[in-house]
């Protein structure tokens, strides 16, 4: 499998974990003290790190850290929007599209050489 696909697949999976770690407690643990939410988030984030670190190590042999960061940020938005809309029940905003187009521009510029 090409390095870019390995890296992207692992980054997508890690972003799913991290998005839940950062935001799911706002829905699932809203009635609990903040420190319980923090512990739950840290537990989820551990799995994110176990996937994200290999993703960046695989990708770093082919891509520089700027490219990896832009790839990760683009994937983050791609994971966050469905999470916000379908899991958190937030309205779909046109601003997500504009932000996505800006990130696609960032991808173009960071990978064009």
Protein backbone atom coordinates (compact mmCIF):
# COMPACT_ATOMS: atom_id res chain seq x y z
CA UNK A 1 0.00 0.00 0.00
CA UNK A 2 1.40 3.45 -0.85
CA UNK A 3 2.83 5.49 2.01
CA UNK A 4 0.29 8.28 1.56
CA UNK A 5 -2.61 5.82 1.92
CA UNK A 6 -1.09 4.16 4.99
CA UNK A 7 -0.45 7.53 6.59
CA UNK A 8 -3.87 8.96 5.70
CA UNK A 9 -5.75 5.86 6.86
CA UNK A 10 -4.00 5.87 10.22
CA UNK A 11 -4.49 9.62 10.59
CA UNK A 12 -8.21 9.26 9.85
CA UNK A 13 -8.54 6.58 12.51
CA UNK A 14 -6.51 8.58 15.03
CA UNK A 15 -8.62 11.67 14.34
CA UNK A 16 -11.81 9.75 15.04
CA UNK A 17 -10.44 8.87 18.49
CA UNK A 18 -9.18 12.39 19.16
CA UNK A 19 -12.41 14.04 18.06
CA UNK A 20 -14.29 11.86 20.52
CA UNK A 21 -11.69 12.58 23.21
CA UNK A 22 -12.00 16.34 22.71
CA UNK A 23 -15.74 16.74 22.21
CA UNK A 24 -17.88 13.69 23.08
CA UNK A 25 -17.74 14.49 26.80
CA UNK A 26 -19.75 17.63 26.05
CA UNK A 27 -22.65 15.35 25.18
CA UNK A 28 -22.00 12.18 27.19
CA UNK A 29 -20.56 13.55 30.44
CA UNK A 30 -22.12 17.00 30.62
CA UNK A 31 -23.58 16.27 34.06
CA UNK A 32 -20.28 14.98 35.48
CA UNK A 33 -17.43 16.95 37.05
CA UNK A 34 -14.79 18.21 34.60
CA UNK A 35 -12.09 15.89 35.99
CA UNK A 36 -14.14 12.79 35.12
CA UNK A 37 -14.50 14.12 31.58
CA UNK A 38 -10.74 14.79 31.51
CA UNK A 39 -9.92 11.24 32.63
CA UNK A 40 -12.29 9.76 30.07
CA UNK A 41 -10.78 11.99 27.37
CA UNK A 42 -7.23 10.99 28.32
CA UNK A 43 -8.22 7.34 28.12
CA UNK A 44 -9.56 7.83 24.61
CA UNK A 45 -6.58 9.99 23.61
CA UNK A 46 -4.19 7.16 24.51
CA UNK A 47 -5.59 5.15 21.61
CA UNK A 48 -5.28 8.19 19.37
CA UNK A 49 -1.58 8.48 20.17
CA UNK A 50 -1.02 4.77 19.60
CA UNK A 51 -2.27 5.29 16.03
CA UNK A 52 -1.07 8.83 15.31
CA UNK A 53 2.59 8.24 16.20
CA UNK A 54 3.01 5.31 13.76
CA UNK A 55 1.11 7.29 11.10
CA UNK A 56 3.57 10.17 11.32
CA UNK A 57 6.58 7.86 11.48
CA UNK A 58 5.43 6.03 8.34
CA UNK A 59 4.71 9.29 6.54
CA UNK A 60 7.90 11.07 7.64
CA UNK A 61 10.09 8.87 5.50
CA UNK A 62 8.39 10.31 2.41
CA UNK A 63 6.87 13.64 3.52
CA UNK A 64 8.20 16.52 5.59
CA UNK A 65 6.51 17.61 8.81
CA UNK A 66 4.75 20.54 7.13
CA UNK A 67 3.11 18.18 4.68
CA UNK A 68 2.15 15.81 7.48
CA UNK A 69 0.64 18.65 9.51
CA UNK A 70 -1.45 20.01 6.63
CA UNK A 71 -2.61 16.46 5.82
CA UNK A 72 -3.58 15.94 9.46
CA UNK A 73 -5.48 19.26 9.65
CA UNK A 74 -7.39 18.47 6.47
CA UNK A 75 -8.31 15.05 7.80
CA UNK A 76 -9.35 16.63 11.10
CA UNK A 77 -11.94 18.80 9.37
CA UNK A 78 -13.12 15.82 7.32
CA UNK A 79 -13.67 13.84 10.54
CA UNK A 80 -15.01 16.74 12.59
CA UNK A 81 -17.83 17.85 10.29
CA UNK A 82 -19.67 14.49 10.22
CA UNK A 83 -19.04 14.13 13.98
CA UNK A 84 -20.48 17.57 14.70
CA UNK A 85 -23.51 17.06 12.47
CA UNK A 86 -24.41 13.42 13.10
CA UNK A 87 -23.12 12.73 16.62
CA UNK A 88 -23.41 16.12 18.30
CA UNK A 89 -26.51 17.21 16.36
CA UNK A 90 -25.03 20.51 15.20
CA UNK A 91 -26.38 22.14 12.05
CA UNK A 92 -24.37 21.76 8.86
CA UNK A 93 -22.89 25.17 8.08
CA UNK A 94 -21.70 26.59 4.82
CA UNK A 95 -18.62 27.79 6.71
CA UNK A 96 -17.46 24.16 6.87
CA UNK A 97 -17.33 24.15 3.08
CA UNK A 98 -15.32 27.39 2.98
CA UNK A 99 -12.92 26.10 5.62
CA UNK A 100 -12.55 22.85 3.67
CA UNK A 101 -11.75 24.75 0.48
CA UNK A 102 -9.11 26.77 2.32
CA UNK A 103 -7.56 23.54 3.59
CA UNK A 104 -7.59 22.07 0.10
CA UNK A 105 -5.67 25.16 -0.99
CA UNK A 106 -3.20 24.51 1.83
CA UNK A 107 -2.83 20.90 0.66
CA UNK A 108 -2.16 22.07 -2.88
CA UNK A 109 0.52 24.53 -1.83
CA UNK A 110 2.29 22.23 0.64
CA UNK A 111 2.37 19.24 -1.75
CA UNK A 112 2.92 21.02 -5.12
CA UNK A 113 6.68 20.69 -5.12
